[in-house]
Structures are given as structure tokens and as C-alpha cells.
Full PDB file with SEQRES, HELIX, SHEET, SSBOND, CRYST1, ORIGX, SCALE, CONECT and MASTER records, all heavy atoms in Angstrom:
SEQRES   1 A   37  VAL ALA ALA ILE ARG GLY ASP GLY ILE THR ASN TYR ALA          
SEQRES   2 A   37  ASP SER VAL LYS GLY ARG PHE THR ILE SER ARG ASP ASN          
SEQRES   3 A   37  VAL LYS ASN THR VAL TYR LEU GLN MET ASN THR                  
SHEET    1 AA1 2 ALA A   2  ILE A   4  0                                        
SHEET    2 AA1 2 THR A  10  TYR A  12 -1                                        
SHEET    1 AA2 2 PHE A  20  ASP A  25  0                                        
SHEET    2 AA2 2 THR A  30  MET A  35 -1                                        
CRYST1    1.000    1.000    1.000  90.00  90.00  90.00 P 1           1          
ORIGX1      1.000000  0.000000  0.000000        0.00000                         
ORIGX2      0.000000  1.000000  0.000000        0.00000                         
ORIGX3      0.000000  0.000000  1.000000        0.00000                         
SCALE1      1.000000  0.000000  0.000000        0.00000                         
SCALE2      0.000000  1.000000  0.000000        0.00000                         
SCALE3      0.000000  0.000000  1.000000        0.00000                         
ATOM      1  N   VAL A   1     -37.866  -6.132-107.603  1.00  0.00           N  
ATOM      2  CA  VAL A   1     -37.277  -5.823-106.298  1.00  0.00           C  
ATOM      3  C   VAL A   1     -35.976  -5.049-106.468  1.00  0.00           C  
ATOM      4  O   VAL A   1     -35.759  -4.029-105.824  1.00  0.00           O  
ATOM      5  CB  VAL A   1     -37.027  -7.123-105.504  1.00  0.00           C  
ATOM      6  CG1 VAL A   1     -36.287  -6.830-104.207  1.00  0.00           C  
ATOM      7  CG2 VAL A   1     -38.331  -7.853-105.232  1.00  0.00           C  
ATOM      8  N   ALA A   2     -35.094  -5.548-107.315  1.00  0.00           N  
ATOM      9  CA  ALA A   2     -33.778  -4.921-107.488  1.00  0.00           C  
ATOM     10  C   ALA A   2     -33.196  -5.370-108.812  1.00  0.00           C  
ATOM     11  O   ALA A   2     -33.523  -6.448-109.319  1.00  0.00           O  
ATOM     12  CB  ALA A   2     -32.840  -5.314-106.350  1.00  0.00           C  
ATOM     13  N   ALA A   3     -32.326  -4.542-109.361  1.00  0.00           N  
ATOM     14  CA  ALA A   3     -31.678  -4.871-110.617  1.00  0.00           C  
ATOM     15  C   ALA A   3     -30.241  -4.392-110.579  1.00  0.00           C  
ATOM     16  O   ALA A   3     -29.908  -3.434-109.874  1.00  0.00           O  
ATOM     17  CB  ALA A   3     -32.422  -4.245-111.789  1.00  0.00           C  
ATOM     18  N   ILE A   4     -29.398  -5.076-111.346  1.00  0.00           N  
ATOM     19  CA  ILE A   4     -27.992  -4.688-111.436  1.00  0.00           C  
ATOM     20  C   ILE A   4     -27.573  -4.803-112.889  1.00  0.00           C  
ATOM     21  O   ILE A   4     -27.812  -5.815-113.556  1.00  0.00           O  
ATOM     22  CB  ILE A   4     -27.125  -5.565-110.499  1.00  0.00           C  
ATOM     23  CG1 ILE A   4     -25.675  -5.093-110.529  1.00  0.00           C  
ATOM     24  CG2 ILE A   4     -27.245  -7.048-110.825  1.00  0.00           C  
ATOM     25  CD1 ILE A   4     -24.821  -5.679-109.406  1.00  0.00           C  
ATOM     26  N   ARG A   5     -26.955  -3.743-113.394  1.00  0.00           N  
ATOM     27  CA  ARG A   5     -26.479  -3.748-114.769  1.00  0.00           C  
ATOM     28  C   ARG A   5     -25.166  -4.503-114.868  1.00  0.00           C  
ATOM     29  O   ARG A   5     -24.550  -4.837-113.875  1.00  0.00           O  
ATOM     30  CB  ARG A   5     -26.307  -2.310-115.269  1.00  0.00           C  
ATOM     31  CG  ARG A   5     -27.591  -1.557-115.326  1.00  0.00           C  
ATOM     32  CD  ARG A   5     -27.510  -0.145-115.869  1.00  0.00           C  
ATOM     33  NE  ARG A   5     -26.195   0.412-116.085  1.00  0.00           N  
ATOM     34  CZ  ARG A   5     -26.010   1.686-116.447  1.00  0.00           C  
ATOM     35  NH1 ARG A   5     -27.063   2.477-116.646  1.00  0.00           N  
ATOM     36  NH2 ARG A   5     -24.797   2.173-116.628  1.00  0.00           N  
ATOM     37  N   GLY A   6     -24.724  -4.724-116.095  1.00  0.00           N  
ATOM     38  CA  GLY A   6     -23.452  -5.394-116.291  1.00  0.00           C  
ATOM     39  C   GLY A   6     -22.290  -4.603-115.719  1.00  0.00           C  
ATOM     40  O   GLY A   6     -21.278  -5.175-115.283  1.00  0.00           O  
ATOM     41  N   ASP A   7     -22.426  -3.270-115.664  1.00  0.00           N  
ATOM     42  CA  ASP A   7     -21.365  -2.424-115.110  1.00  0.00           C  
ATOM     43  C   ASP A   7     -21.492  -2.245-113.601  1.00  0.00           C  
ATOM     44  O   ASP A   7     -20.726  -1.507-113.009  1.00  0.00           O  
ATOM     45  CB  ASP A   7     -21.347  -1.060-115.801  1.00  0.00           C  
ATOM     46  CG  ASP A   7     -22.640  -0.298-115.644  1.00  0.00           C  
ATOM     47  OD1 ASP A   7     -23.537  -0.778-114.912  1.00  0.00           O  
ATOM     48  OD2 ASP A   7     -22.785   0.771-116.258  1.00  0.00           O  
ATOM     49  N   GLY A   8     -22.478  -2.918-113.000  1.00  0.00           N  
ATOM     50  CA  GLY A   8     -22.606  -2.891-111.548  1.00  0.00           C  
ATOM     51  C   GLY A   8     -23.560  -1.844-110.992  1.00  0.00           C  
ATOM     52  O   GLY A   8     -23.792  -1.808-109.782  1.00  0.00           O  
ATOM     53  N   ILE A   9     -24.110  -1.006-111.856  1.00  0.00           N  
ATOM     54  CA  ILE A   9     -25.076  -0.007-111.390  1.00  0.00           C  
ATOM     55  C   ILE A   9     -26.343  -0.730-110.928  1.00  0.00           C  
ATOM     56  O   ILE A   9     -26.835  -1.640-111.602  1.00  0.00           O  
ATOM     57  CB  ILE A   9     -25.427   0.990-112.503  1.00  0.00           C  
ATOM     58  CG1 ILE A   9     -24.160   1.714-112.974  1.00  0.00           C  
ATOM     59  CG2 ILE A   9     -26.473   1.989-112.034  1.00  0.00           C  
ATOM     60  CD1 ILE A   9     -23.503   2.581-111.927  1.00  0.00           C  
ATOM     61  N   THR A  10     -26.857  -0.289-109.784  1.00  0.00           N  
ATOM     62  CA  THR A  10     -28.014  -0.968-109.186  1.00  0.00           C  
ATOM     63  C   THR A  10     -29.199  -0.027-109.039  1.00  0.00           C  
ATOM     64  O   THR A  10     -29.045   1.202-109.004  1.00  0.00           O  
ATOM     65  CB  THR A  10     -27.662  -1.523-107.803  1.00  0.00           C  
ATOM     66  OG1 THR A  10     -27.240  -0.434-106.963  1.00  0.00           O  
ATOM     67  CG2 THR A  10     -26.537  -2.543-107.885  1.00  0.00           C  
ATOM     68  N   ASN A  11     -30.372  -0.614-108.947  1.00  0.00           N  
ATOM     69  CA  ASN A  11     -31.549   0.153-108.545  1.00  0.00           C  
ATOM     70  C   ASN A  11     -32.479  -0.768-107.769  1.00  0.00           C  
ATOM     71  O   ASN A  11     -32.428  -1.992-107.914  1.00  0.00           O  
ATOM     72  CB  ASN A  11     -32.266   0.803-109.728  1.00  0.00           C  
ATOM     73  CG  ASN A  11     -32.895  -0.186-110.679  1.00  0.00           C  
ATOM     74  OD1 ASN A  11     -32.229  -0.755-111.510  1.00  0.00           O  
ATOM     75  ND2 ASN A  11     -34.192  -0.400-110.527  1.00  0.00           N  
ATOM     76  N   TYR A  12     -33.295  -0.155-106.919  1.00  0.00           N  
ATOM     77  CA  TYR A  12     -34.126  -0.891-105.977  1.00  0.00           C  
ATOM     78  C   TYR A  12     -35.550  -0.346-105.931  1.00  0.00           C  
ATOM     79  O   TYR A  12     -35.772   0.848-106.131  1.00  0.00           O  
ATOM     80  CB  TYR A  12     -33.531  -0.799-104.557  1.00  0.00           C  
ATOM     81  CG  TYR A  12     -32.156  -1.381-104.426  1.00  0.00           C  
ATOM     82  CD1 TYR A  12     -31.028  -0.608-104.622  1.00  0.00           C  
ATOM     83  CD2 TYR A  12     -31.984  -2.736-104.119  1.00  0.00           C  
ATOM     84  CE1 TYR A  12     -29.753  -1.145-104.516  1.00  0.00           C  
ATOM     85  CE2 TYR A  12     -30.724  -3.282-104.002  1.00  0.00           C  
ATOM     86  CZ  TYR A  12     -29.611  -2.486-104.207  1.00  0.00           C  
ATOM     87  OH  TYR A  12     -28.355  -3.031-104.102  1.00  0.00           O  
ATOM     88  N   ALA A  13     -36.465  -1.233-105.618  1.00  0.00           N  
ATOM     89  CA  ALA A  13     -37.814  -0.785-105.303  1.00  0.00           C  
ATOM     90  C   ALA A  13     -37.762   0.015-104.009  1.00  0.00           C  
ATOM     91  O   ALA A  13     -36.965  -0.279-103.113  1.00  0.00           O  
ATOM     92  CB  ALA A  13     -38.743  -1.987-105.146  1.00  0.00           C  
ATOM     93  N   ASP A  14     -38.622   1.017-103.901  1.00  0.00           N  
ATOM     94  CA  ASP A  14     -38.620   1.852-102.696  1.00  0.00           C  
ATOM     95  C   ASP A  14     -38.834   1.029-101.434  1.00  0.00           C  
ATOM     96  O   ASP A  14     -38.284   1.337-100.375  1.00  0.00           O  
ATOM     97  CB  ASP A  14     -39.714   2.916-102.805  1.00  0.00           C  
ATOM     98  CG  ASP A  14     -39.369   4.004-103.817  1.00  0.00           C  
ATOM     99  OD1 ASP A  14     -38.186   4.117-104.187  1.00  0.00           O  
ATOM    100  OD2 ASP A  14     -40.286   4.733-104.229  1.00  0.00           O  
ATOM    101  N   SER A  15     -39.602  -0.030-101.552  1.00  0.00           N  
ATOM    102  CA  SER A  15     -39.953  -0.830-100.376  1.00  0.00           C  
ATOM    103  C   SER A  15     -38.777  -1.590 -99.782  1.00  0.00           C  
ATOM    104  O   SER A  15     -38.841  -2.039 -98.633  1.00  0.00           O  
ATOM    105  CB  SER A  15     -41.064  -1.817-100.727  1.00  0.00           C  
ATOM    106  OG  SER A  15     -40.649  -2.670-101.784  1.00  0.00           O  
ATOM    107  N   VAL A  16     -37.683  -1.731-100.547  1.00  0.00           N  
ATOM    108  CA  VAL A  16     -36.542  -2.511-100.050  1.00  0.00           C  
ATOM    109  C   VAL A  16     -35.262  -1.688 -99.953  1.00  0.00           C  
ATOM    110  O   VAL A  16     -34.241  -2.189 -99.485  1.00  0.00           O  
ATOM    111  CB  VAL A  16     -36.285  -3.760-100.929  1.00  0.00           C  
ATOM    112  CG1 VAL A  16     -37.553  -4.588-101.060  1.00  0.00           C  
ATOM    113  CG2 VAL A  16     -35.728  -3.390-102.284  1.00  0.00           C  
ATOM    114  N   LYS A  17     -35.315  -0.437-100.367  1.00  0.00           N  
ATOM    115  CA  LYS A  17     -34.118   0.410-100.305  1.00  0.00           C  
ATOM    116  C   LYS A  17     -33.578   0.491 -98.893  1.00  0.00           C  
ATOM    117  O   LYS A  17     -34.332   0.673 -97.937  1.00  0.00           O  
ATOM    118  CB  LYS A  17     -34.437   1.819-100.819  1.00  0.00           C  
ATOM    119  CG  LYS A  17     -34.417   1.958-102.321  1.00  0.00           C  
ATOM    120  CD  LYS A  17     -34.724   3.391-102.750  1.00  0.00           C  
ATOM    121  CE  LYS A  17     -34.766   3.488-104.267  1.00  0.00           C  
ATOM    122  NZ  LYS A  17     -35.170   4.849-104.709  1.00  0.00           N  
ATOM    123  N   GLY A  18     -32.272   0.340 -98.779  1.00  0.00           N  
ATOM    124  CA  GLY A  18     -31.635   0.398 -97.471  1.00  0.00           C  
ATOM    125  C   GLY A  18     -31.653  -0.923 -96.711  1.00  0.00           C  
ATOM    126  O   GLY A  18     -30.975  -1.049 -95.685  1.00  0.00           O  
ATOM    127  N   ARG A  19     -32.427  -1.896 -97.210  1.00  0.00           N  
ATOM    128  CA  ARG A  19     -32.487  -3.194 -96.534  1.00  0.00           C  
ATOM    129  C   ARG A  19     -31.935  -4.326 -97.396  1.00  0.00           C  
ATOM    130  O   ARG A  19     -31.347  -5.270 -96.871  1.00  0.00           O  
ATOM    131  CB  ARG A  19     -33.944  -3.527 -96.159  1.00  0.00           C  
ATOM    132  CG  ARG A  19     -34.599  -2.530 -95.229  1.00  0.00           C  
ATOM    133  CD  ARG A  19     -35.955  -3.028 -94.755  1.00  0.00           C  
ATOM    134  NE  ARG A  19     -36.906  -3.213 -95.862  1.00  0.00           N  
ATOM    135  CZ  ARG A  19     -37.504  -4.384 -96.133  1.00  0.00           C  
ATOM    136  NH1 ARG A  19     -37.238  -5.460 -95.422  1.00  0.00           N  
ATOM    137  NH2 ARG A  19     -38.366  -4.463 -97.141  1.00  0.00           N  
ATOM    138  N   PHE A  20     -32.129  -4.225 -98.684  1.00  0.00           N  
ATOM    139  CA  PHE A  20     -31.694  -5.275 -99.617  1.00  0.00           C  
ATOM    140  C   PHE A  20     -30.500  -4.770-100.436  1.00  0.00           C  
ATOM    141  O   PHE A  20     -30.423  -3.589-100.771  1.00  0.00           O  
ATOM    142  CB  PHE A  20     -32.805  -5.654-100.587  1.00  0.00           C  
ATOM    143  CG  PHE A  20     -33.969  -6.402 -99.983  1.00  0.00           C  
ATOM    144  CD1 PHE A  20     -34.123  -6.534 -98.600  1.00  0.00           C  
ATOM    145  CD2 PHE A  20     -34.920  -6.977-100.807  1.00  0.00           C  
ATOM    146  CE1 PHE A  20     -35.201  -7.215 -98.052  1.00  0.00           C  
ATOM    147  CE2 PHE A  20     -36.000  -7.666-100.289  1.00  0.00           C  
ATOM    148  CZ  PHE A  20     -36.138  -7.777 -98.902  1.00  0.00           C  
ATOM    149  N   THR A  21     -29.614  -5.698-100.785  1.00  0.00           N  
ATOM    150  CA  THR A  21     -28.471  -5.373-101.634  1.00  0.00           C  
ATOM    151  C   THR A  21     -28.328  -6.434-102.712  1.00  0.00           C  
ATOM    152  O   THR A  21     -28.222  -7.630-102.393  1.00  0.00           O  
ATOM    153  CB  THR A  21     -27.174  -5.295-100.819  1.00  0.00           C  
ATOM    154  OG1 THR A  21     -27.311  -4.321 -99.784  1.00  0.00           O  
ATOM    155  CG2 THR A  21     -25.998  -4.904-101.713  1.00  0.00           C  
ATOM    156  N   ILE A  22     -28.320  -5.994-103.956  1.00  0.00           N  
ATOM    157  CA  ILE A  22     -28.102  -6.914-105.068  1.00  0.00           C  
ATOM    158  C   ILE A  22     -26.641  -6.835-105.475  1.00  0.00           C  
ATOM    159  O   ILE A  22     -26.038  -5.759-105.460  1.00  0.00           O  
ATOM    160  CB  ILE A  22     -29.035  -6.581-106.263  1.00  0.00           C  
ATOM    161  CG1 ILE A  22     -28.930  -7.649-107.346  1.00  0.00           C  
ATOM    162  CG2 ILE A  22     -28.761  -5.185-106.814  1.00  0.00           C  
ATOM    163  CD1 ILE A  22     -29.987  -7.495-108.453  1.00  0.00           C  
ATOM    164  N   SER A  23     -26.072  -7.977-105.792  1.00  0.00           N  
ATOM    165  CA  SER A  23     -24.674  -8.015-106.227  1.00  0.00           C  
ATOM    166  C   SER A  23     -24.508  -9.151-107.220  1.00  0.00           C  
ATOM    167  O   SER A  23     -25.416  -9.967-107.406  1.00  0.00           O  
ATOM    168  CB  SER A  23     -23.732  -8.196-105.033  1.00  0.00           C  
ATOM    169  OG  SER A  23     -23.994  -9.429-104.371  1.00  0.00           O  
ATOM    170  N   ARG A  24     -23.351  -9.200-107.837  1.00  0.00           N  
ATOM    171  CA  ARG A  24     -23.130 -10.233-108.849  1.00  0.00           C  
ATOM    172  C   ARG A  24     -21.700 -10.711-108.821  1.00  0.00           C  
ATOM    173  O   ARG A  24     -20.799  -9.961-108.422  1.00  0.00           O  
ATOM    174  CB  ARG A  24     -23.476  -9.699-110.240  1.00  0.00           C  
ATOM    175  CG  ARG A  24     -22.620  -8.521-110.691  1.00  0.00           C  
ATOM    176  CD  ARG A  24     -23.188  -7.892-111.976  1.00  0.00           C  
ATOM    177  NE  ARG A  24     -23.190  -8.846-113.071  1.00  0.00           N  
ATOM    178  CZ  ARG A  24     -24.049  -8.787-114.083  1.00  0.00           C  
ATOM    179  NH1 ARG A  24     -24.975  -7.848-114.140  1.00  0.00           N  
ATOM    180  NH2 ARG A  24     -23.968  -9.688-115.055  1.00  0.00           N  
ATOM    181  N   ASP A  25     -21.496 -11.945-109.246  1.00  0.00           N  
ATOM    182  CA  ASP A  25     -20.167 -12.527-109.383  1.00  0.00           C  
ATOM    183  C   ASP A  25     -20.076 -13.025-110.823  1.00  0.00           C  
ATOM    184  O   ASP A  25     -20.678 -14.048-111.178  1.00  0.00           O  
ATOM    185  CB  ASP A  25     -19.984 -13.680-108.394  1.00  0.00           C  
ATOM    186  CG  ASP A  25     -18.586 -14.268-108.437  1.00  0.00           C  
ATOM    187  OD1 ASP A  25     -17.932 -14.231-109.497  1.00  0.00           O  
ATOM    188  OD2 ASP A  25     -18.133 -14.782-107.398  1.00  0.00           O  
ATOM    189  N   ASN A  26     -19.345 -12.287-111.640  1.00  0.00           N  
ATOM    190  CA  ASN A  26     -19.279 -12.614-113.067  1.00  0.00           C  
ATOM    191  C   ASN A  26     -18.414 -13.837-113.359  1.00  0.00           C  
ATOM    192  O   ASN A  26     -18.435 -14.349-114.478  1.00  0.00           O  
ATOM    193  CB  ASN A  26     -18.772 -11.422-113.865  1.00  0.00           C  
ATOM    194  CG  ASN A  26     -19.789 -10.302-113.927  1.00  0.00           C  
ATOM    195  OD1 ASN A  26     -20.983 -10.521-113.720  1.00  0.00           O  
ATOM    196  ND2 ASN A  26     -19.317  -9.097-114.200  1.00  0.00           N  
ATOM    197  N   VAL A  27     -17.661 -14.291-112.377  1.00  0.00           N  
ATOM    198  CA  VAL A  27     -16.889 -15.526-112.545  1.00  0.00           C  
ATOM    199  C   VAL A  27     -17.792 -16.739-112.316  1.00  0.00           C  
ATOM    200  O   VAL A  27     -17.736 -17.719-113.041  1.00  0.00           O  
ATOM    201  CB  VAL A  27     -15.693 -15.557-111.584  1.00  0.00           C  
ATOM    202  CG1 VAL A  27     -14.965 -16.901-111.654  1.00  0.00           C  
ATOM    203  CG2 VAL A  27     -14.726 -14.415-111.897  1.00  0.00           C  
ATOM    204  N   LYS A  28     -18.637 -16.617-111.314  1.00  0.00           N  
ATOM    205  CA  LYS A  28     -19.543 -17.720-110.979  1.00  0.00           C  
ATOM    206  C   LYS A  28     -20.882 -17.631-111.728  1.00  0.00           C  
ATOM    207  O   LYS A  28     -21.734 -18.498-111.553  1.00  0.00           O  
ATOM    208  CB  LYS A  28     -19.809 -17.742-109.471  1.00  0.00           C  
ATOM    209  CG  LYS A  28     -18.574 -18.037-108.637  1.00  0.00           C  
ATOM    210  CD  LYS A  28     -18.924 -18.100-107.153  1.00  0.00           C  
ATOM    211  CE  LYS A  28     -17.692 -18.447-106.323  1.00  0.00           C  
ATOM    212  NZ  LYS A  28     -18.009 -18.481-104.867  1.00  0.00           N  
ATOM    213  N   ASN A  29     -21.062 -16.586-112.527  1.00  0.00           N  
ATOM    214  CA  ASN A  29     -22.337 -16.385-113.226  1.00  0.00           C  
ATOM    215  C   ASN A  29     -23.517 -16.430-112.259  1.00  0.00           C  
ATOM    216  O   ASN A  29     -24.547 -17.078-112.512  1.00  0.00           O  
ATOM    217  CB  ASN A  29     -22.537 -17.433-114.332  1.00  0.00           C  
ATOM    218  CG  ASN A  29     -21.689 -17.162-115.557  1.00  0.00           C  
ATOM    219  OD1 ASN A  29     -20.811 -16.308-115.537  1.00  0.00           O  
ATOM    220  ND2 ASN A  29     -21.923 -17.904-116.621  1.00  0.00           N  
ATOM    221  N   THR A  30     -23.353 -15.724-111.166  1.00  0.00           N  
ATOM    222  CA  THR A  30     -24.347 -15.760-110.102  1.00  0.00           C  
ATOM    223  C   THR A  30     -24.697 -14.347-109.659  1.00  0.00           C  
ATOM    224  O   THR A  30     -23.818 -13.482-109.555  1.00  0.00           O  
ATOM    225  CB  THR A  30     -23.815 -16.571-108.907  1.00  0.00           C  
ATOM    226  OG1 THR A  30     -23.549 -17.923-109.338  1.00  0.00           O  
ATOM    227  CG2 THR A  30     -24.830 -16.606-107.775  1.00  0.00           C  
ATOM    228  N   VAL A  31     -25.967 -14.141-109.408  1.00  0.00           N  
ATOM    229  CA  VAL A  31     -26.423 -12.879-108.840  1.00  0.00           C  
ATOM    230  C   VAL A  31     -27.005 -13.171-107.458  1.00  0.00           C  
ATOM    231  O   VAL A  31     -27.607 -14.229-107.240  1.00  0.00           O  
ATOM    232  CB  VAL A  31     -27.459 -12.194-109.757  1.00  0.00           C  
ATOM    233  CG1 VAL A  31     -28.699 -13.040-109.961  1.00  0.00           C  
ATOM    234  CG2 VAL A  31     -27.817 -10.811-109.245  1.00  0.00           C  
ATOM    235  N   TYR A  32     -26.789 -12.259-106.545  1.00  0.00           N  
ATOM    236  CA  TYR A  32     -27.194 -12.439-105.150  1.00  0.00           C  
ATOM    237  C   TYR A  32     -28.175 -11.355-104.732  1.00  0.00           C  
ATOM    238  O   TYR A  32     -28.205 -10.260-105.313  1.00  0.00           O  
ATOM    239  CB  TYR A  32     -25.976 -12.384-104.232  1.00  0.00           C  
ATOM    240  CG  TYR A  32     -24.901 -13.378-104.563  1.00  0.00           C  
ATOM    241  CD1 TYR A  32     -23.794 -13.004-105.320  1.00  0.00           C  
ATOM    242  CD2 TYR A  32     -24.990 -14.702-104.133  1.00  0.00           C  
ATOM    243  CE1 TYR A  32     -22.798 -13.920-105.630  1.00  0.00           C  
ATOM    244  CE2 TYR A  32     -24.004 -15.616-104.446  1.00  0.00           C  
ATOM    245  CZ  TYR A  32     -22.914 -15.224-105.186  1.00  0.00           C  
ATOM    246  OH  TYR A  32     -21.938 -16.141-105.506  1.00  0.00           O  
ATOM    247  N   LEU A  33     -28.938 -11.669-103.703  1.00  0.00           N  
ATOM    248  CA  LEU A  33     -29.776 -10.661-103.062  1.00  0.00           C  
ATOM    249  C   LEU A  33     -29.629 -10.842-101.553  1.00  0.00           C  
ATOM    250  O   LEU A  33     -30.115 -11.823-100.982  1.00  0.00           O  
ATOM    251  CB  LEU A  33     -31.243 -10.802-103.480  1.00  0.00           C  
ATOM    252  CG  LEU A  33     -32.159  -9.696-102.967  1.00  0.00           C  
ATOM    253  CD1 LEU A  33     -31.800  -8.362-103.659  1.00  0.00           C  
ATOM    254  CD2 LEU A  33     -33.626 -10.026-103.209  1.00  0.00           C  
ATOM    255  N   GLN A  34     -28.915  -9.918-100.955  1.00  0.00           N  
ATOM    256  CA  GLN A  34     -28.778  -9.913 -99.497  1.00  0.00           C  
ATOM    257  C   GLN A  34     -29.959  -9.151 -98.927  1.00  0.00           C  
ATOM    258  O   GLN A  34     -30.159  -7.988 -99.272  1.00  0.00           O  
ATOM    259  CB  GLN A  34     -27.464  -9.250 -99.084  1.00  0.00           C  
ATOM    260  CG  GLN A  34     -27.276  -9.148 -97.584  1.00  0.00           C  
ATOM    261  CD  GLN A  34     -27.116 -10.495 -96.919  1.00  0.00           C  
ATOM    262  OE1 GLN A  34     -26.402 -11.354 -97.415  1.00  0.00           O  
ATOM    263  NE2 GLN A  34     -27.771 -10.682 -95.765  1.00  0.00           N  
ATOM    264  N   MET A  35     -30.720  -9.807 -98.085  1.00  0.00           N  
ATOM    265  CA  MET A  35     -31.932  -9.215 -97.527  1.00  0.00           C  
ATOM    266  C   MET A  35     -31.770  -9.107 -96.021  1.00  0.00           C  
ATOM    267  O   MET A  35     -31.646 -10.119 -95.327  1.00  0.00           O  
ATOM    268  CB  MET A  35     -33.148 -10.074 -97.883  1.00  0.00           C  
ATOM    269  CG  MET A  35     -33.290 -10.349 -99.369  1.00  0.00           C  
ATOM    270  SD  MET A  35     -34.819 -11.182 -99.803  1.00  0.00           S  
ATOM    271  CE  MET A  35     -34.610 -12.728 -98.926  1.00  0.00           C  
ATOM    272  N   ASN A  36     -31.773  -7.884 -95.541  1.00  0.00           N  
ATOM    273  CA  ASN A  36     -31.643  -7.623 -94.111  1.00  0.00           C  
ATOM    274  C   ASN A  36     -32.904  -6.969 -93.583  1.00  0.00           C  
ATOM    275  O   ASN A  36     -33.710  -6.433 -94.343  1.00  0.00           O  
ATOM    276  CB  ASN A  36     -30.440  -6.714 -93.852  1.00  0.00           C  
ATOM    277  CG  ASN A  36     -29.131  -7.342 -94.284  1.00  0.00           C  
ATOM    278  OD1 ASN A  36     -28.962  -8.561 -94.240  1.00  0.00           O  
ATOM    279  ND2 ASN A  36     -28.188  -6.516 -94.704  1.00  0.00           N  
ATOM    280  N   THR A  37     -33.043  -6.994 -92.275  1.00  0.00           N  
ATOM    281  CA  THR A  37     -34.189  -6.373 -91.611  1.00  0.00           C  
ATOM    282  C   THR A  37     -35.491  -6.789 -92.295  1.00  0.00           C  
ATOM    283  O   THR A  37     -36.331  -5.951 -92.677  1.00  0.00           O  
ATOM    284  CB  THR A  37     -34.058  -4.834 -91.608  1.00  0.00           C  
ATOM    285  OG1 THR A  37     -32.716  -4.458 -91.325  1.00  0.00           O  
ATOM    286  CG2 THR A  37     -34.959  -4.213 -90.541  1.00  0.00           C  
TER     287      THR A  37                                                      
MASTER        0    0    0    0    4    0    0    6  286    1    0    3          
END                                                                             
């Protein structure tokens, strides 16, 4: 669906582009996926 590199660069499947956002918190060791629409 989506990927994020250690430097924050992201990429997305075409089916979710513009609707989903992947992010990360390196302090909490957590990755997120915000899914809209």
C-alpha cells in the first residue's frame, strides 16, 4: 500500500495515492497510515 524510507521518502500504490499518507515517529518507533476518503 505505502512505504517510507528512513529518510522520510514515501511511495504509494496508485490505488491509494492522494487518499492515504504514511508517516513515522522515530522516537516512538511507530509507523502510521492515515487513510482518508
